[in-house]
N, C-alpha and C. Protein backbone atom coordinates (compact mmCIF):
# COMPACT_ATOMS: atom_id res chain seq x y z
N UNK A 1 2.75 9.68 29.39
CA UNK A 1 3.27 8.33 29.35
C UNK A 1 4.43 8.20 30.32
N UNK A 2 4.51 7.07 30.99
CA UNK A 2 5.59 6.83 31.93
C UNK A 2 6.88 6.52 31.20
N UNK A 3 7.98 6.88 31.81
CA UNK A 3 9.27 6.61 31.21
C UNK A 3 9.84 5.31 31.78
N UNK A 4 10.46 4.50 30.94
CA UNK A 4 11.04 3.23 31.36
C UNK A 4 12.50 3.44 31.71
N UNK A 5 13.17 2.36 32.17
CA UNK A 5 14.59 2.39 32.49
C UNK A 5 15.42 2.80 31.29
N UNK A 6 14.97 2.47 30.09
CA UNK A 6 15.73 2.78 28.87
C UNK A 6 15.55 4.25 28.48
N UNK A 7 14.70 5.00 29.19
CA UNK A 7 14.50 6.39 28.86
C UNK A 7 13.48 6.60 27.75
N UNK A 8 12.76 5.56 27.38
CA UNK A 8 11.75 5.66 26.34
C UNK A 8 10.39 5.75 26.99
N UNK A 9 9.44 6.31 26.28
CA UNK A 9 8.09 6.32 26.82
C UNK A 9 7.56 4.90 26.82
N UNK A 10 6.49 4.69 27.51
CA UNK A 10 5.95 3.36 27.69
C UNK A 10 5.71 2.64 26.36
N UNK A 11 5.33 3.37 25.31
CA UNK A 11 5.10 2.70 24.03
C UNK A 11 6.35 2.70 23.15
N UNK A 12 7.49 3.03 23.72
CA UNK A 12 8.79 2.97 23.06
C UNK A 12 8.93 3.95 21.91
N UNK A 13 8.25 5.07 21.97
CA UNK A 13 8.40 6.07 20.91
C UNK A 13 9.82 6.62 20.94
N UNK A 14 10.43 6.69 19.80
CA UNK A 14 11.77 7.22 19.66
C UNK A 14 11.65 8.58 19.01
N UNK A 15 12.30 9.61 19.57
CA UNK A 15 12.20 10.94 18.96
C UNK A 15 12.56 10.89 17.48
N UNK A 16 11.75 11.58 16.68
CA UNK A 16 12.01 11.65 15.25
C UNK A 16 11.43 10.50 14.45
N UNK A 17 10.79 9.52 15.09
CA UNK A 17 10.18 8.43 14.33
C UNK A 17 8.70 8.70 14.18
N UNK A 18 8.12 8.14 13.16
CA UNK A 18 6.68 8.26 12.93
C UNK A 18 6.19 6.96 12.33
N UNK A 19 4.90 6.89 12.05
CA UNK A 19 4.34 5.69 11.44
C UNK A 19 5.07 5.43 10.13
N UNK A 20 5.43 4.20 9.90
CA UNK A 20 6.19 3.83 8.70
C UNK A 20 5.41 4.16 7.44
N UNK A 21 6.14 4.39 6.35
CA UNK A 21 5.52 4.73 5.07
C UNK A 21 4.58 3.64 4.58
N UNK A 22 4.79 2.39 5.03
CA UNK A 22 3.92 1.30 4.58
C UNK A 22 2.61 1.26 5.37
N UNK A 23 2.35 2.26 6.22
CA UNK A 23 1.13 2.30 7.02
C UNK A 23 0.53 3.71 6.99
N UNK A 24 0.11 4.17 5.81
CA UNK A 24 -0.34 5.55 5.70
C UNK A 24 -1.69 5.82 6.36
N UNK A 25 -2.55 4.84 6.47
CA UNK A 25 -3.88 5.03 7.04
C UNK A 25 -3.85 4.84 8.55
N UNK A 26 -4.87 5.38 9.20
CA UNK A 26 -4.98 5.19 10.65
C UNK A 26 -5.33 3.73 10.93
N UNK A 27 -4.79 3.18 12.00
CA UNK A 27 -5.12 1.78 12.34
C UNK A 27 -6.57 1.67 12.78
N UNK A 28 -7.16 0.52 12.49
CA UNK A 28 -8.53 0.23 12.91
C UNK A 28 -8.55 -0.11 14.40
N UNK A 29 -9.62 0.24 15.06
CA UNK A 29 -9.78 -0.12 16.46
C UNK A 29 -9.65 -1.63 16.61
N UNK A 30 -8.87 -2.05 17.56
CA UNK A 30 -8.68 -3.47 17.83
C UNK A 30 -7.44 -4.06 17.21
N UNK A 31 -6.82 -3.36 16.26
CA UNK A 31 -5.57 -3.87 15.68
C UNK A 31 -4.50 -3.87 16.77
N UNK A 32 -3.59 -4.80 16.68
CA UNK A 32 -2.49 -4.85 17.63
C UNK A 32 -1.59 -3.64 17.40
N UNK A 33 -1.29 -2.93 18.46
CA UNK A 33 -0.36 -1.79 18.38
C UNK A 33 1.07 -2.32 18.45
N UNK A 34 1.38 -3.05 19.53
CA UNK A 34 2.69 -3.70 19.63
C UNK A 34 2.62 -4.87 20.59
N UNK A 35 3.57 -5.74 20.44
CA UNK A 35 3.75 -6.89 21.33
C UNK A 35 5.16 -6.77 21.89
N UNK A 36 5.29 -6.88 23.19
CA UNK A 36 6.60 -6.76 23.82
C UNK A 36 6.96 -8.08 24.50
N UNK A 37 8.09 -8.62 24.12
CA UNK A 37 8.60 -9.86 24.68
C UNK A 37 9.82 -9.56 25.53
N UNK A 38 9.77 -9.94 26.78
CA UNK A 38 10.95 -9.78 27.64
C UNK A 38 11.82 -11.01 27.47
N UNK A 39 13.09 -10.78 27.27
CA UNK A 39 14.03 -11.85 26.96
C UNK A 39 15.18 -11.86 27.96
N UNK A 40 15.79 -13.01 28.11
CA UNK A 40 16.92 -13.15 29.03
C UNK A 40 18.22 -12.66 28.42
N UNK A 41 18.37 -12.79 27.11
CA UNK A 41 19.61 -12.42 26.44
C UNK A 41 19.26 -11.63 25.18
N UNK A 42 19.48 -10.34 25.22
CA UNK A 42 19.06 -9.47 24.12
C UNK A 42 19.78 -9.82 22.82
N UNK A 43 21.08 -10.04 22.86
CA UNK A 43 21.81 -10.35 21.63
C UNK A 43 21.28 -11.62 20.97
N UNK A 44 21.01 -12.63 21.78
CA UNK A 44 20.47 -13.88 21.25
C UNK A 44 19.08 -13.66 20.66
N UNK A 45 18.26 -12.85 21.34
CA UNK A 45 16.91 -12.56 20.86
C UNK A 45 16.97 -11.77 19.55
N UNK A 46 17.89 -10.86 19.43
CA UNK A 46 18.03 -10.09 18.20
C UNK A 46 18.39 -11.02 17.05
N UNK A 47 19.26 -11.99 17.31
CA UNK A 47 19.63 -12.94 16.24
C UNK A 47 18.43 -13.79 15.81
N UNK A 48 17.70 -14.35 16.75
CA UNK A 48 16.60 -15.24 16.36
C UNK A 48 15.37 -14.47 15.91
N UNK A 49 14.90 -13.53 16.71
CA UNK A 49 13.70 -12.77 16.36
C UNK A 49 13.96 -11.84 15.18
N UNK A 50 15.14 -11.23 15.14
CA UNK A 50 15.46 -10.32 14.04
C UNK A 50 15.43 -11.04 12.70
N UNK A 51 16.05 -12.22 12.65
CA UNK A 51 16.02 -13.00 11.40
C UNK A 51 14.58 -13.33 11.02
N UNK A 52 13.82 -13.87 11.97
CA UNK A 52 12.46 -14.30 11.67
C UNK A 52 11.59 -13.13 11.21
N UNK A 53 11.58 -12.06 11.97
CA UNK A 53 10.70 -10.95 11.65
C UNK A 53 11.10 -10.29 10.33
N UNK A 54 12.39 -10.16 10.08
CA UNK A 54 12.85 -9.61 8.80
C UNK A 54 12.43 -10.53 7.65
N UNK A 55 12.54 -11.82 7.86
CA UNK A 55 12.13 -12.78 6.83
C UNK A 55 10.63 -12.71 6.54
N UNK A 56 9.86 -12.29 7.53
CA UNK A 56 8.41 -12.16 7.37
C UNK A 56 8.00 -10.78 6.87
N UNK A 57 8.95 -9.93 6.57
CA UNK A 57 8.64 -8.63 6.00
C UNK A 57 8.65 -7.46 6.97
N UNK A 58 8.97 -7.70 8.23
CA UNK A 58 9.09 -6.61 9.18
C UNK A 58 10.40 -5.86 8.90
N UNK A 59 10.43 -4.59 9.31
CA UNK A 59 11.64 -3.80 9.18
C UNK A 59 12.08 -3.36 10.56
N UNK A 60 13.41 -3.27 10.74
CA UNK A 60 13.91 -2.79 12.02
C UNK A 60 13.34 -1.40 12.25
N UNK A 61 12.81 -1.18 13.44
CA UNK A 61 12.09 0.05 13.74
C UNK A 61 12.80 0.88 14.80
N UNK A 62 13.12 0.26 15.93
CA UNK A 62 13.74 0.99 17.04
C UNK A 62 14.88 0.16 17.60
N UNK A 63 15.87 0.86 18.15
CA UNK A 63 17.03 0.20 18.74
C UNK A 63 17.50 1.06 19.90
N UNK A 64 17.60 0.48 21.08
CA UNK A 64 18.10 1.19 22.26
C UNK A 64 18.89 0.18 23.07
N UNK A 65 19.66 0.63 24.08
CA UNK A 65 20.54 -0.30 24.80
C UNK A 65 19.87 -1.54 25.38
N UNK A 66 18.60 -1.46 25.76
CA UNK A 66 17.94 -2.62 26.35
C UNK A 66 16.98 -3.35 25.44
N UNK A 67 16.88 -2.93 24.16
CA UNK A 67 15.90 -3.61 23.31
C UNK A 67 15.97 -3.21 21.85
N UNK A 68 15.10 -3.83 21.09
CA UNK A 68 14.99 -3.56 19.66
C UNK A 68 13.57 -3.91 19.25
N UNK A 69 13.10 -3.26 18.17
CA UNK A 69 11.78 -3.59 17.66
C UNK A 69 11.80 -3.64 16.14
N UNK A 70 10.82 -4.36 15.60
CA UNK A 70 10.63 -4.50 14.16
C UNK A 70 9.17 -4.19 13.88
N UNK A 71 8.91 -3.50 12.76
CA UNK A 71 7.58 -3.01 12.46
C UNK A 71 7.10 -3.50 11.11
N UNK A 72 5.79 -3.73 11.03
CA UNK A 72 5.10 -3.91 9.76
C UNK A 72 3.78 -3.19 9.89
N UNK A 73 3.45 -2.36 8.92
CA UNK A 73 2.22 -1.58 9.01
C UNK A 73 2.19 -0.75 10.27
N UNK A 74 1.10 -0.81 11.01
CA UNK A 74 0.94 -0.04 12.24
C UNK A 74 1.43 -0.79 13.47
N UNK A 75 1.82 -2.05 13.32
CA UNK A 75 2.17 -2.89 14.47
C UNK A 75 3.66 -3.15 14.53
N UNK A 76 4.14 -3.33 15.74
CA UNK A 76 5.55 -3.70 15.89
C UNK A 76 5.73 -4.68 17.02
N UNK A 77 6.84 -5.40 16.95
CA UNK A 77 7.19 -6.40 17.97
C UNK A 77 8.50 -5.99 18.60
N UNK A 78 8.52 -5.99 19.93
CA UNK A 78 9.67 -5.56 20.71
C UNK A 78 10.29 -6.76 21.42
N UNK A 79 11.62 -6.83 21.43
CA UNK A 79 12.32 -7.72 22.36
C UNK A 79 13.10 -6.80 23.29
N UNK A 80 12.98 -7.07 24.58
CA UNK A 80 13.61 -6.21 25.58
C UNK A 80 14.20 -7.05 26.69
N UNK A 81 15.40 -6.71 27.09
CA UNK A 81 16.05 -7.36 28.23
C UNK A 81 15.87 -6.44 29.43
N UNK A 82 14.74 -6.57 30.07
CA UNK A 82 14.39 -5.68 31.18
C UNK A 82 15.03 -6.15 32.48
N UNK A 83 15.52 -5.22 33.30
CA UNK A 83 16.05 -5.60 34.62
C UNK A 83 14.93 -6.01 35.58
N UNK A 84 13.67 -5.80 35.21
CA UNK A 84 12.54 -6.15 36.07
C UNK A 84 12.06 -7.59 35.88
N UNK A 85 12.72 -8.37 34.97
CA UNK A 85 12.32 -9.78 34.76
C UNK A 85 12.42 -10.56 36.06
N UNK A 86 11.55 -11.54 36.22
CA UNK A 86 11.61 -12.39 37.41
C UNK A 86 12.05 -13.81 37.09
N UNK A 87 12.28 -14.12 35.83
CA UNK A 87 12.74 -15.46 35.43
C UNK A 87 13.75 -15.29 34.30
N UNK A 88 14.54 -16.33 34.06
CA UNK A 88 15.58 -16.26 33.04
C UNK A 88 15.18 -16.93 31.74
N UNK A 89 14.03 -17.61 31.73
CA UNK A 89 13.59 -18.31 30.52
C UNK A 89 12.07 -18.23 30.41
N UNK A 90 11.60 -18.05 29.19
CA UNK A 90 10.15 -18.05 28.94
C UNK A 90 9.65 -19.49 28.99
N UNK A 91 8.52 -19.70 29.63
CA UNK A 91 7.91 -21.03 29.68
C UNK A 91 6.52 -20.92 29.07
N UNK A 92 6.40 -21.38 27.82
CA UNK A 92 5.14 -21.25 27.09
C UNK A 92 4.02 -22.10 27.69
N UNK A 93 4.35 -23.02 28.58
CA UNK A 93 3.32 -23.88 29.19
C UNK A 93 2.77 -23.30 30.49
N UNK A 94 3.31 -22.19 30.94
CA UNK A 94 2.77 -21.52 32.12
C UNK A 94 1.72 -20.51 31.68
N UNK A 95 0.90 -20.02 32.59
CA UNK A 95 -0.05 -18.98 32.20
C UNK A 95 0.69 -17.81 31.55
N UNK A 96 0.08 -17.28 30.50
CA UNK A 96 0.70 -16.20 29.75
C UNK A 96 0.77 -16.56 28.28
N UNK A 97 1.72 -15.99 27.60
CA UNK A 97 1.86 -16.21 26.17
C UNK A 97 2.29 -17.64 25.86
N UNK A 98 1.51 -18.33 25.03
CA UNK A 98 1.91 -19.65 24.57
C UNK A 98 2.73 -19.54 23.30
N UNK A 99 2.21 -18.83 22.30
CA UNK A 99 2.97 -18.65 21.06
C UNK A 99 2.40 -17.52 20.23
N UNK A 100 3.18 -17.09 19.25
CA UNK A 100 2.73 -16.13 18.25
C UNK A 100 2.60 -16.87 16.94
N UNK A 101 1.54 -16.61 16.18
CA UNK A 101 1.33 -17.25 14.89
C UNK A 101 1.33 -16.18 13.80
N UNK A 102 2.05 -16.48 12.72
CA UNK A 102 2.19 -15.54 11.62
C UNK A 102 1.69 -16.16 10.33
N UNK A 103 1.00 -15.37 9.52
CA UNK A 103 0.62 -15.79 8.17
C UNK A 103 1.88 -15.87 7.31
N UNK A 104 1.94 -16.87 6.45
CA UNK A 104 2.99 -17.01 5.45
C UNK A 104 2.27 -17.29 4.13
N UNK A 105 2.72 -16.68 3.04
CA UNK A 105 1.97 -16.74 1.79
C UNK A 105 1.84 -18.14 1.19
N UNK A 106 2.91 -18.93 1.21
CA UNK A 106 2.87 -20.22 0.52
C UNK A 106 3.42 -21.34 1.40
N UNK A 107 3.08 -22.56 1.03
CA UNK A 107 3.65 -23.73 1.71
C UNK A 107 5.15 -23.79 1.50
N UNK A 108 5.59 -23.43 0.30
CA UNK A 108 7.02 -23.42 0.01
C UNK A 108 7.77 -22.46 0.96
N UNK A 109 7.18 -21.32 1.22
CA UNK A 109 7.80 -20.36 2.14
C UNK A 109 7.85 -20.92 3.56
N UNK A 110 6.81 -21.62 3.99
CA UNK A 110 6.83 -22.27 5.30
C UNK A 110 8.00 -23.23 5.37
N UNK A 111 8.15 -24.05 4.33
CA UNK A 111 9.23 -25.04 4.31
C UNK A 111 10.61 -24.38 4.30
N UNK A 112 10.77 -23.32 3.51
CA UNK A 112 12.05 -22.63 3.44
C UNK A 112 12.41 -21.98 4.79
N UNK A 113 11.43 -21.34 5.42
CA UNK A 113 11.68 -20.72 6.71
C UNK A 113 12.00 -21.77 7.78
N UNK A 114 11.28 -22.87 7.76
CA UNK A 114 11.54 -23.94 8.73
C UNK A 114 12.95 -24.49 8.56
N UNK A 115 13.39 -24.68 7.32
CA UNK A 115 14.74 -25.20 7.07
C UNK A 115 15.80 -24.21 7.51
N UNK A 116 15.61 -22.94 7.18
CA UNK A 116 16.61 -21.93 7.51
C UNK A 116 16.62 -21.56 8.99
N UNK A 117 15.52 -21.80 9.67
CA UNK A 117 15.39 -21.38 11.07
C UNK A 117 16.47 -21.96 11.97
N UNK A 118 16.92 -23.15 11.66
CA UNK A 118 17.96 -23.80 12.48
C UNK A 118 19.25 -22.98 12.54
N UNK A 119 19.50 -22.22 11.49
CA UNK A 119 20.71 -21.39 11.44
C UNK A 119 20.59 -20.14 12.30
N UNK A 120 19.39 -19.90 12.83
CA UNK A 120 19.13 -18.65 13.55
C UNK A 120 18.56 -18.88 14.94
N UNK A 121 18.83 -20.04 15.52
CA UNK A 121 18.45 -20.29 16.90
C UNK A 121 17.07 -20.87 17.12
N UNK A 122 16.43 -21.37 16.07
CA UNK A 122 15.10 -21.98 16.20
C UNK A 122 15.22 -23.48 15.92
N UNK A 123 14.33 -24.26 16.52
CA UNK A 123 14.26 -25.69 16.18
C UNK A 123 12.82 -26.02 15.83
N UNK A 124 12.67 -26.99 14.95
CA UNK A 124 11.34 -27.44 14.54
C UNK A 124 10.73 -28.28 15.65
N UNK A 125 9.53 -27.92 16.04
CA UNK A 125 8.78 -28.70 17.03
C UNK A 125 7.94 -29.74 16.29
N UNK A 126 7.64 -30.83 16.92
CA UNK A 126 6.79 -31.88 16.37
C UNK A 126 7.27 -32.33 14.99
N UNK A 127 8.57 -32.63 14.81
CA UNK A 127 9.10 -32.95 13.48
C UNK A 127 8.43 -34.17 12.85
N UNK A 128 7.98 -35.12 13.67
CA UNK A 128 7.33 -36.31 13.12
C UNK A 128 5.94 -36.00 12.53
N UNK A 129 5.36 -34.85 12.89
CA UNK A 129 4.05 -34.46 12.38
C UNK A 129 4.11 -33.30 11.38
N UNK A 130 5.28 -32.74 11.22
CA UNK A 130 5.45 -31.58 10.33
C UNK A 130 5.16 -31.95 8.89
N UNK A 131 4.46 -31.15 8.15
CA UNK A 131 3.93 -29.81 8.41
C UNK A 131 2.45 -29.80 8.82
N UNK A 132 1.95 -30.96 9.24
CA UNK A 132 0.53 -31.05 9.59
C UNK A 132 0.30 -31.29 11.08
N UNK A 133 1.19 -30.76 11.93
CA UNK A 133 1.04 -30.94 13.38
C UNK A 133 -0.25 -30.32 13.90
N UNK A 134 -0.80 -29.36 13.18
CA UNK A 134 -2.05 -28.72 13.58
C UNK A 134 -3.28 -29.36 12.97
N UNK A 135 -3.09 -30.45 12.23
CA UNK A 135 -4.20 -31.13 11.58
C UNK A 135 -4.00 -31.24 10.09
N UNK A 136 -4.76 -32.12 9.45
CA UNK A 136 -4.58 -32.43 8.02
C UNK A 136 -4.80 -31.23 7.11
N UNK A 137 -5.58 -30.26 7.53
CA UNK A 137 -5.87 -29.10 6.68
C UNK A 137 -5.09 -27.85 7.10
N UNK A 138 -4.13 -28.01 8.01
CA UNK A 138 -3.42 -26.86 8.58
C UNK A 138 -1.93 -27.01 8.30
N UNK A 139 -1.43 -26.34 7.27
CA UNK A 139 -0.03 -26.44 6.87
C UNK A 139 0.77 -25.39 7.62
N UNK A 140 1.64 -25.83 8.52
CA UNK A 140 2.37 -24.88 9.37
C UNK A 140 3.67 -25.49 9.87
N UNK A 141 4.56 -24.59 10.24
CA UNK A 141 5.78 -24.98 10.94
C UNK A 141 5.69 -24.40 12.35
N UNK A 142 5.95 -25.22 13.33
CA UNK A 142 5.98 -24.79 14.73
C UNK A 142 7.45 -24.76 15.12
N UNK A 143 7.93 -23.59 15.52
CA UNK A 143 9.33 -23.40 15.85
C UNK A 143 9.47 -22.92 17.29
N UNK A 144 10.56 -23.33 17.93
CA UNK A 144 10.86 -22.86 19.29
C UNK A 144 12.30 -22.39 19.31
N UNK A 145 12.54 -21.24 19.96
CA UNK A 145 13.93 -20.80 20.07
C UNK A 145 14.52 -21.23 21.41
N UNK A 146 15.79 -20.99 21.58
CA UNK A 146 16.50 -21.47 22.77
C UNK A 146 15.94 -20.87 24.06
N UNK A 147 15.28 -19.73 23.96
CA UNK A 147 14.70 -19.10 25.15
C UNK A 147 13.28 -19.58 25.45
N UNK A 148 12.78 -20.55 24.67
CA UNK A 148 11.48 -21.14 24.96
C UNK A 148 10.30 -20.47 24.28
N UNK A 149 10.54 -19.50 23.42
CA UNK A 149 9.43 -18.86 22.70
C UNK A 149 9.05 -19.72 21.50
N UNK A 150 7.75 -19.85 21.27
CA UNK A 150 7.24 -20.62 20.14
C UNK A 150 6.58 -19.69 19.13
N UNK A 151 6.83 -19.97 17.86
CA UNK A 151 6.11 -19.31 16.78
C UNK A 151 5.52 -20.37 15.88
N UNK A 152 4.43 -20.01 15.25
CA UNK A 152 3.75 -20.87 14.28
C UNK A 152 3.70 -20.10 12.97
N UNK A 153 4.23 -20.71 11.92
CA UNK A 153 4.22 -20.11 10.59
C UNK A 153 3.18 -20.84 9.77
N UNK A 154 2.09 -20.18 9.41
CA UNK A 154 0.93 -20.82 8.81
C UNK A 154 0.80 -20.39 7.35
N UNK A 155 0.76 -21.36 6.43
CA UNK A 155 0.51 -21.05 5.01
C UNK A 155 -0.95 -20.73 4.84
N UNK A 156 -1.23 -19.61 4.20
CA UNK A 156 -2.61 -19.18 4.00
C UNK A 156 -3.03 -19.35 2.57
């Protein structure tokens, strides 16, 4: 594996870490291993993404000078402030990642997360259509953070 500027292997393995206790079985082929988001401001990303991912049941997994990750099961999400970035803000309307969507157990949890999100750098998108911006049968909150990343919290 190639080494990055942070001195970690390409998949961000940290010496002494292993698969979390909540993921005892081998992952199935096709499961997401990790998602890496490059951010303009790491501290700001840690505040917004850290709150959201922790609220969704992820646990802090890795921490290094240029990034941090949170894990659930076999998958983890990384925010990294890479010196190789070519832009200072994510634009979800350009080719590439538009948004990440997460399952949420109840409609009440969607509402609670949407309300609290404002305290952590997120704003509600499509407020005039909330919580049915995705259609009459789709209960969700669409949130955007100051860096332009969008998440969708969907009640299942």
